[in-house]
N, C-alpha and C. Protein backbone atom coordinates (compact mmCIF):
# COMPACT_ATOMS: atom_id res chain seq x y z
N MET A 1 7.64 -2.89 -7.47
CA MET A 1 7.00 -2.32 -7.86
C MET A 1 7.07 -0.87 -8.37
N ALA A 2 8.60 -0.95 -8.55
CA ALA A 2 8.94 0.53 -9.06
C ALA A 2 7.92 0.02 -10.54
N VAL A 3 8.25 -0.89 -11.52
CA VAL A 3 7.58 -0.62 -12.74
C VAL A 3 6.14 -0.88 -12.66
N ALA A 4 5.69 -1.59 -11.69
CA ALA A 4 4.04 -1.13 -11.62
C ALA A 4 3.56 0.15 -10.77
N GLU A 5 4.28 0.66 -10.45
CA GLU A 5 4.05 2.05 -10.45
C GLU A 5 4.32 3.22 -11.48
N VAL A 6 5.29 2.66 -12.40
CA VAL A 6 5.47 4.21 -13.25
C VAL A 6 4.95 3.74 -14.57
N THR A 7 4.09 2.18 -14.12
CA THR A 7 2.84 2.07 -15.36
C THR A 7 1.65 2.35 -15.11
N SER A 8 1.57 2.38 -13.50
CA SER A 8 0.00 2.20 -13.18
C SER A 8 -0.01 4.12 -13.47
N ASN A 9 0.96 4.50 -12.06
CA ASN A 9 0.84 6.20 -12.93
C ASN A 9 1.19 7.18 -13.86
N GLY A 10 2.58 6.89 -13.93
CA GLY A 10 3.34 7.47 -15.10
C GLY A 10 2.45 7.55 -16.16
N VAL A 11 1.70 5.92 -16.78
CA VAL A 11 1.11 5.80 -18.31
C VAL A 11 0.49 6.21 -18.36
N LEU A 12 -0.55 4.91 -17.21
CA LEU A 12 -1.93 4.61 -17.69
C LEU A 12 -2.95 5.81 -17.21
N LYS A 13 -2.49 6.34 -16.02
CA LYS A 13 -3.77 7.93 -15.54
C LYS A 13 -3.27 8.65 -16.47
N GLN A 14 -2.08 8.52 -17.04
CA GLN A 14 -2.37 9.75 -18.43
C GLN A 14 -2.91 9.71 -19.69
N VAL A 15 -2.84 8.27 -19.71
CA VAL A 15 -3.97 8.03 -20.75
C VAL A 15 -5.32 8.19 -20.95
N TRP A 16 -5.29 7.46 -19.62
CA TRP A 16 -7.14 6.88 -18.71
C TRP A 16 -7.21 8.23 -17.96
N HIS A 17 -8.13 9.19 -18.50
CA HIS A 17 -8.20 10.40 -16.99
C HIS A 17 -9.39 9.83 -17.19
N ARG A 18 -9.74 9.17 -15.51
CA ARG A 18 -11.35 9.16 -15.57
C ARG A 18 -11.88 9.54 -14.05
N ARG A 19 -12.58 10.12 -13.77
CA ARG A 19 -13.24 10.88 -12.43
C ARG A 19 -12.79 9.85 -11.23
N ARG A 20 -12.71 10.43 -9.94
CA ARG A 20 -13.24 8.98 -8.90
C ARG A 20 -14.43 9.24 -8.89
N PRO A 21 -14.75 7.87 -7.75
CA PRO A 21 -16.55 8.00 -7.97
C PRO A 21 -16.88 8.91 -7.48
N PRO A 22 -18.23 9.00 -7.14
CA PRO A 22 -19.31 10.88 -6.84
C PRO A 22 -19.04 10.70 -5.44
N LYS A 23 -18.56 11.92 -4.69
CA LYS A 23 -18.32 12.07 -3.26
C LYS A 23 -19.82 10.90 -2.41
N GLU A 24 -21.30 11.33 -3.41
CA GLU A 24 -22.02 11.60 -2.64
C GLU A 24 -22.85 9.57 -2.45
N TRP A 25 -21.65 8.66 -3.13
CA TRP A 25 -22.13 7.55 -2.85
C TRP A 25 -20.86 7.19 -1.64
N ILE A 26 -20.16 7.83 -0.86
CA ILE A 26 -19.59 7.90 0.10
C ILE A 26 -20.24 8.15 1.14
N SER A 27 -20.20 7.56 2.35
CA SER A 27 -21.07 7.28 3.62
C SER A 27 -20.22 8.29 4.94
N HIS A 28 -19.32 8.26 4.45
CA HIS A 28 -18.66 8.66 5.33
C HIS A 28 -17.43 10.01 5.28
N GLU A 29 -16.68 10.32 6.16
CA GLU A 29 -16.08 11.56 6.18
C GLU A 29 -14.52 12.04 5.33
N GLU A 30 -14.48 10.66 5.00
CA GLU A 30 -13.09 11.06 4.28
C GLU A 30 -13.19 10.52 2.71
N VAL A 31 -13.85 11.02 2.69
CA VAL A 31 -14.75 11.10 1.04
C VAL A 31 -13.55 12.59 0.79
N HIS A 32 -13.28 13.26 1.66
CA HIS A 32 -13.20 14.95 1.11
C HIS A 32 -11.14 14.78 1.08
N ASP A 33 -10.58 13.60 1.37
CA ASP A 33 -8.98 13.18 1.28
C ASP A 33 -9.01 12.32 0.59
N ARG A 34 -10.06 12.86 -0.62
CA ARG A 34 -8.74 11.65 -2.16
C ARG A 34 -8.48 12.57 -3.02
N PRO A 35 -7.47 11.67 -4.24
CA PRO A 35 -6.58 12.88 -4.23
C PRO A 35 -7.49 13.56 -5.72
N ASP A 36 -6.73 14.43 -6.24
CA ASP A 36 -7.40 14.44 -7.57
C ASP A 36 -6.93 14.10 -8.33
N SER A 37 -6.10 13.24 -8.84
CA SER A 37 -5.42 12.73 -9.50
C SER A 37 -6.28 11.70 -10.60
N SER A 38 -6.30 11.15 -11.81
CA SER A 38 -7.33 9.96 -12.13
C SER A 38 -7.61 8.96 -10.92
N SER A 39 -8.97 8.45 -11.48
CA SER A 39 -9.08 7.55 -10.94
C SER A 39 -8.52 6.13 -11.05
N PHE A 40 -8.30 5.59 -12.94
CA PHE A 40 -7.77 4.68 -13.61
C PHE A 40 -6.14 4.43 -13.62
N PRO A 41 -5.82 3.28 -13.03
CA PRO A 41 -5.94 2.40 -12.39
C PRO A 41 -5.66 2.38 -10.87
N SER A 42 -5.89 1.77 -9.65
CA SER A 42 -5.56 2.46 -8.16
C SER A 42 -3.67 2.08 -8.85
N GLY A 43 -3.21 3.04 -8.44
CA GLY A 43 -1.54 2.89 -8.71
C GLY A 43 -1.34 2.06 -6.66
N HIS A 44 -2.16 1.65 -6.07
CA HIS A 44 -1.24 1.70 -4.28
C HIS A 44 -1.75 -0.02 -5.00
N THR A 45 -2.80 -0.48 -5.75
CA THR A 45 -3.08 -1.45 -5.40
C THR A 45 -2.20 -2.53 -6.24
N ALA A 46 -1.40 -1.77 -7.26
CA ALA A 46 -0.85 -2.18 -8.09
C ALA A 46 0.47 -2.64 -7.64
N ALA A 47 1.26 -1.65 -7.09
CA ALA A 47 2.12 -1.90 -5.89
C ALA A 47 2.85 -2.84 -4.69
N GLY A 48 1.06 -3.10 -4.16
CA GLY A 48 1.18 -4.33 -3.18
C GLY A 48 0.38 -5.24 -3.93
N VAL A 49 0.15 -5.57 -5.51
CA VAL A 49 0.10 -6.76 -5.90
C VAL A 49 1.45 -7.24 -6.35
N ALA A 50 2.60 -5.95 -6.98
CA ALA A 50 3.79 -6.31 -7.51
C ALA A 50 4.57 -6.94 -6.76
N PHE A 51 4.50 -6.12 -5.00
CA PHE A 51 5.53 -6.89 -4.74
C PHE A 51 5.18 -8.72 -3.82
N SER A 52 3.44 -8.16 -3.71
CA SER A 52 3.05 -9.88 -3.34
C SER A 52 3.73 -10.92 -3.61
N ALA A 53 3.04 -10.59 -5.81
CA ALA A 53 3.49 -11.99 -6.50
C ALA A 53 5.78 -11.70 -6.92
N ALA A 54 6.08 -10.56 -6.29
CA ALA A 54 7.53 -10.49 -6.32
C ALA A 54 8.27 -11.33 -5.60
N VAL A 55 7.87 -11.12 -4.65
CA VAL A 55 7.62 -12.24 -3.39
C VAL A 55 7.02 -13.29 -3.04
N ALA A 56 6.18 -13.76 -3.82
CA ALA A 56 6.44 -15.17 -3.98
C ALA A 56 6.63 -15.89 -4.95
N VAL A 57 6.97 -15.68 -5.65
CA VAL A 57 7.99 -16.55 -6.84
C VAL A 57 9.30 -16.92 -5.89
N VAL A 58 10.06 -16.30 -5.35
CA VAL A 58 11.11 -16.96 -4.10
C VAL A 58 10.51 -17.60 -2.97
N TRP A 59 9.56 -16.60 -2.77
CA TRP A 59 8.58 -17.66 -1.17
C TRP A 59 7.77 -17.43 -1.14
N PRO A 60 6.70 -19.12 -1.26
CA PRO A 60 5.40 -18.39 -1.77
C PRO A 60 4.74 -18.08 -0.17
N TRP A 61 5.46 -18.62 0.87
CA TRP A 61 4.14 -18.96 1.76
C TRP A 61 4.16 -17.48 2.72
N ALA A 62 5.24 -16.51 2.48
CA ALA A 62 5.82 -14.85 2.28
C ALA A 62 4.76 -14.71 1.60
N GLY A 63 4.81 -14.81 0.40
CA GLY A 63 4.46 -13.98 -0.39
C GLY A 63 2.63 -13.98 -0.52
N ALA A 64 1.82 -14.73 -0.08
CA ALA A 64 0.89 -15.13 0.62
C ALA A 64 0.13 -14.48 1.43
N VAL A 65 1.52 -14.35 2.72
CA VAL A 65 1.14 -13.30 4.21
C VAL A 65 0.99 -12.37 3.37
N CYS A 66 1.96 -11.34 2.14
CA CYS A 66 2.07 -10.34 1.58
C CYS A 66 0.79 -10.15 0.72
N ALA A 67 -0.15 -11.07 0.63
CA ALA A 67 -1.14 -11.20 -0.38
C ALA A 67 -2.28 -9.73 0.74
N VAL A 68 -2.11 -9.82 1.94
CA VAL A 68 -3.26 -10.31 3.02
C VAL A 68 -3.76 -8.69 3.18
N PRO A 69 -2.07 -7.97 3.12
CA PRO A 69 -2.15 -6.49 3.00
C PRO A 69 -2.42 -5.98 1.85
N ALA A 70 -2.25 -6.58 0.72
CA ALA A 70 -2.38 -6.07 -0.62
C ALA A 70 -3.80 -5.94 -0.85
N ALA A 71 -4.22 -7.23 -0.32
CA ALA A 71 -6.16 -7.18 -0.58
C ALA A 71 -6.40 -5.91 0.48
N VAL A 72 -5.91 -5.87 1.84
CA VAL A 72 -6.88 -4.90 2.23
C VAL A 72 -6.56 -3.96 1.87
N VAL A 73 -5.99 -3.48 1.30
CA VAL A 73 -5.38 -1.69 0.86
C VAL A 73 -6.16 -1.85 -1.19
N ALA A 74 -6.04 -3.05 -1.50
CA ALA A 74 -6.86 -2.92 -2.60
C ALA A 74 -8.71 -2.31 -1.78
N ALA A 75 -9.13 -3.41 -0.60
CA ALA A 75 -10.46 -2.38 -0.88
C ALA A 75 -10.93 -1.61 0.50
N GLU A 76 -9.86 -1.12 0.72
CA GLU A 76 -9.97 0.26 1.39
C GLU A 76 -9.56 1.26 0.08
N ARG A 77 -9.30 0.85 -0.73
CA ARG A 77 -9.04 2.33 -2.10
C ARG A 77 -10.77 1.70 -2.58
N VAL A 78 -11.43 0.74 -2.52
CA VAL A 78 -12.82 1.08 -2.64
C VAL A 78 -13.81 1.52 -1.51
N HIS A 79 -13.62 1.27 -0.60
CA HIS A 79 -14.40 1.42 0.38
C HIS A 79 -14.43 3.65 0.91
N THR A 80 -12.80 4.22 0.98
CA THR A 80 -13.01 4.94 1.07
C THR A 80 -13.64 6.07 -0.26
N GLY A 81 -13.70 5.05 -1.54
CA GLY A 81 -13.94 6.59 -2.15
C GLY A 81 -13.29 6.60 -3.47
N ALA A 82 -12.09 6.37 -3.12
CA ALA A 82 -10.49 7.04 -3.73
C ALA A 82 -11.37 6.42 -5.60
N HIS A 83 -11.60 4.88 -5.55
CA HIS A 83 -11.69 4.12 -6.74
C HIS A 83 -12.98 3.41 -6.98
N TYR A 84 -13.09 3.39 -7.86
CA TYR A 84 -14.55 1.76 -8.48
C TYR A 84 -13.33 0.89 -8.87
N PRO A 85 -13.91 -0.25 -8.66
CA PRO A 85 -13.84 -1.53 -8.28
C PRO A 85 -12.57 -2.31 -9.68
N SER A 86 -13.47 -1.42 -10.69
CA SER A 86 -12.83 -1.81 -11.53
C SER A 86 -10.67 -1.56 -11.95
N ASP A 87 -10.78 -0.30 -11.15
CA ASP A 87 -10.01 0.05 -10.97
C ASP A 87 -9.09 -0.08 -10.11
N VAL A 88 -9.48 -0.92 -9.21
CA VAL A 88 -8.41 -1.86 -8.58
C VAL A 88 -7.93 -3.30 -9.13
N ALA A 89 -8.76 -3.60 -10.08
CA ALA A 89 -8.43 -4.82 -10.45
C ALA A 89 -7.92 -4.92 -11.33
N VAL A 90 -7.49 -3.56 -12.08
CA VAL A 90 -6.56 -3.14 -13.31
C VAL A 90 -5.51 -2.88 -12.66
N GLY A 91 -5.29 -2.44 -11.52
CA GLY A 91 -4.34 -2.73 -10.45
C GLY A 91 -3.67 -3.10 -10.48
N ALA A 92 -4.36 -4.47 -10.29
CA ALA A 92 -4.07 -5.69 -9.73
C ALA A 92 -3.06 -6.50 -10.74
N ALA A 93 -4.13 -6.29 -11.99
CA ALA A 93 -3.41 -6.78 -13.66
C ALA A 93 -1.85 -6.44 -13.62
N VAL A 94 -1.98 -5.17 -13.26
CA VAL A 94 -1.19 -4.02 -13.75
C VAL A 94 0.53 -4.50 -12.62
N GLY A 95 -0.57 -4.98 -11.63
CA GLY A 95 1.17 -5.75 -10.61
C GLY A 95 1.56 -6.61 -10.92
N LEU A 96 0.80 -7.74 -11.53
CA LEU A 96 0.74 -9.26 -11.65
C LEU A 96 1.77 -9.36 -12.78
N ALA A 97 1.73 -8.32 -13.96
CA ALA A 97 2.70 -8.48 -15.29
C ALA A 97 3.96 -7.39 -14.95
N ALA A 98 3.53 -6.16 -14.09
CA ALA A 98 4.75 -6.24 -13.51
C ALA A 98 5.78 -7.20 -12.81
N ALA A 99 5.45 -7.91 -11.97
CA ALA A 99 6.25 -8.90 -11.11
C ALA A 99 6.85 -9.90 -12.13
N ALA A 100 5.59 -9.97 -13.11
CA ALA A 100 6.37 -11.33 -14.10
C ALA A 100 7.23 -10.83 -14.89
N LEU A 101 6.77 -9.93 -15.53
CA LEU A 101 7.84 -9.12 -16.57
C LEU A 101 9.26 -8.92 -16.11
N VAL A 102 9.54 -7.96 -14.59
CA VAL A 102 10.91 -8.44 -13.59
C VAL A 102 11.20 -9.53 -13.55
N HIS A 103 10.30 -10.71 -12.97
CA HIS A 103 11.42 -12.17 -12.87
C HIS A 103 11.56 -12.72 -14.12
N ARG A 104 10.90 -12.22 -14.78
CA ARG A 104 11.64 -13.18 -16.30
C ARG A 104 12.83 -11.72 -16.91
N ALA A 105 13.18 -10.63 -16.72
CA ALA A 105 13.54 -9.69 -17.03
C ALA A 105 15.45 -10.15 -18.17
N PRO A 106 15.58 -10.44 -16.64
CA PRO A 106 17.15 -11.02 -16.72
C PRO A 106 16.98 -11.99 -18.22
N ARG A 107 15.70 -13.57 -18.06
CA ARG A 107 15.68 -14.90 -18.98
C ARG A 107 15.83 -13.49 -21.30
N LEU A 108 15.39 -12.71 -20.81
CA LEU A 108 14.15 -11.85 -21.98
C LEU A 108 15.97 -11.21 -22.25
N ALA A 109 16.70 -10.88 -21.47
CA ALA A 109 17.31 -9.85 -22.18
C ALA A 109 18.90 -10.65 -22.52
N ARG A 110 19.15 -12.01 -21.68
CA ARG A 110 19.76 -12.80 -21.90
C ARG A 110 19.73 -13.32 -23.25
N ARG A 111 18.21 -13.44 -23.91
CA ARG A 111 17.94 -14.04 -25.25
C ARG A 111 18.20 -12.78 -26.38
N TRP A 112 18.04 -11.24 -25.82
CA TRP A 112 18.15 -10.59 -27.46
C TRP A 112 19.40 -10.03 -26.86
N LEU A 113 19.82 -9.75 -26.53
CA LEU A 113 21.20 -9.18 -26.15
C LEU A 113 22.19 -10.01 -26.43
N PRO A 114 23.45 -9.94 -27.29
CA PRO A 114 24.65 -10.99 -28.03
C PRO A 114 25.61 -10.97 -26.70
């Protein structure tokens, strides 16, 4: 989760400054509680997907269970107007990539370190 959060919020949001969806697109009151930071990518989605993917590697059925709230968070971020669907999709990709990297890190370290 930490790798996904740092990548999405610490790197990508600083590189791509994308405005949140227009308030006029959202028909409910929650539109006023949106963050002011860049919309791209969704850090919440990145963290949720990274956690679910990391759990799935070790415990597949628990990873599938964890994927349900991760998907709900992704949908909620679009529904509340905090993100565009593409922000959520890239956040999910960042989460998957972060989980894969962390899973392979020990093997990569053994290969590169003497």
